C-alpha atoms as a PDB file:
ATOM      1  CA  PRO A   1      34.291 -63.054  -0.503  1.00  0.00           C
ATOM      2  CA  ARG A   2      33.540 -59.892   1.371  1.00  0.00           C
ATOM      3  CA  ALA A   3      36.080 -57.244   2.194  1.00  0.00           C
ATOM      4  CA  ASN A   4      36.419 -58.702   5.711  1.00  0.00           C
ATOM      5  CA  GLY A   5      37.838 -61.967   4.356  1.00  0.00           C
ATOM      6  CA  GLY A   6      34.794 -64.067   5.223  1.00  0.00           C
ATOM      7  CA  VAL A   7      32.663 -66.363   3.100  1.00  0.00           C
ATOM      8  CA  THR A   8      29.152 -67.702   3.458  1.00  0.00           C
ATOM      9  CA  VAL A   9      28.624 -71.442   3.092  1.00  0.00           C
ATOM     10  CA  ARG A  10      25.168 -72.967   2.664  1.00  0.00           C
ATOM     11  CA  GLU A  11      24.006 -76.465   3.534  1.00  0.00           C
ATOM     12  CA  ARG A  12      22.331 -77.828   0.422  1.00  0.00           C
ATOM     13  CA  ASP A  13      19.268 -79.532   1.899  1.00  0.00           C
ATOM     14  CA  SER A  14      18.321 -77.145   4.707  1.00  0.00           C
ATOM     15  CA  THR A  15      19.708 -73.978   3.039  1.00  0.00           C
ATOM     16  CA  GLU A  16      21.091 -72.986   6.470  1.00  0.00           C
ATOM     17  CA  GLN A  17      23.988 -70.549   6.111  1.00  0.00           C
ATOM     18  CA  LYS A  18      27.136 -70.003   8.167  1.00  0.00           C
ATOM     19  CA  ARG A  19      29.946 -67.436   7.900  1.00  0.00           C
ATOM     20  CA  LEU A  20      33.576 -68.375   8.277  1.00  0.00           C
ATOM     21  CA  PRO A  21      36.965 -66.878   7.525  1.00  0.00           C
ATOM     22  CA  ILE A  22      38.061 -67.559   3.969  1.00  0.00           C
ATOM     23  CA  ASP A  23      41.369 -69.036   5.140  1.00  0.00           C
ATOM     24  CA  GLU A  24      39.433 -71.785   6.986  1.00  0.00           C
ATOM     25  CA  LEU A  25      37.351 -72.736   3.940  1.00  0.00           C
ATOM     26  CA  PRO A  26      39.540 -75.465   2.366  1.00  0.00           C
ATOM     27  CA  GLU A  27      40.134 -77.306   5.651  1.00  0.00           C
ATOM     28  CA  THR A  28      36.485 -76.988   6.704  1.00  0.00           C
ATOM     29  CA  LEU A  29      35.092 -78.265   3.405  1.00  0.00           C
ATOM     30  CA  SER A  30      37.563 -81.156   3.381  1.00  0.00           C
ATOM     31  CA  ALA A  31      36.528 -82.155   6.899  1.00  0.00           C
ATOM     32  CA  ILE A  32      32.835 -82.036   5.975  1.00  0.00           C
ATOM     33  CA  ARG A  33      33.413 -84.140   2.850  1.00  0.00           C
ATOM     34  CA  ALA A  34      35.433 -86.684   4.838  1.00  0.00           C
ATOM     35  CA  GLY A  35      32.675 -86.961   7.447  1.00  0.00           C
ATOM     36  CA  ASP A  36      34.891 -85.604  10.222  1.00  0.00           C
ATOM     37  CA  LEU A  37      32.790 -82.462  10.693  1.00  0.00           C
ATOM     38  CA  GLU A  38      29.055 -81.795  10.445  1.00  0.00           C
ATOM     39  CA  PHE A  39      27.729 -78.539   9.036  1.00  0.00           C
ATOM     40  CA  GLU A  40      25.832 -77.984  12.289  1.00  0.00           C
ATOM     41  CA  GLU A  41      29.163 -77.951  14.161  1.00  0.00           C
ATOM     42  CA  LEU A  42      30.360 -74.827  12.356  1.00  0.00           C
END
């Protein structure tokens, strides 16, 4: 994580990257895994 509290996540197949606050990471990854959120919606 950077000093600003953000993380970069990368979509495996397209290698597209998005930044999000580190405190949103667990909920976001869980939603993606469950199929409730698409990477493109970030």
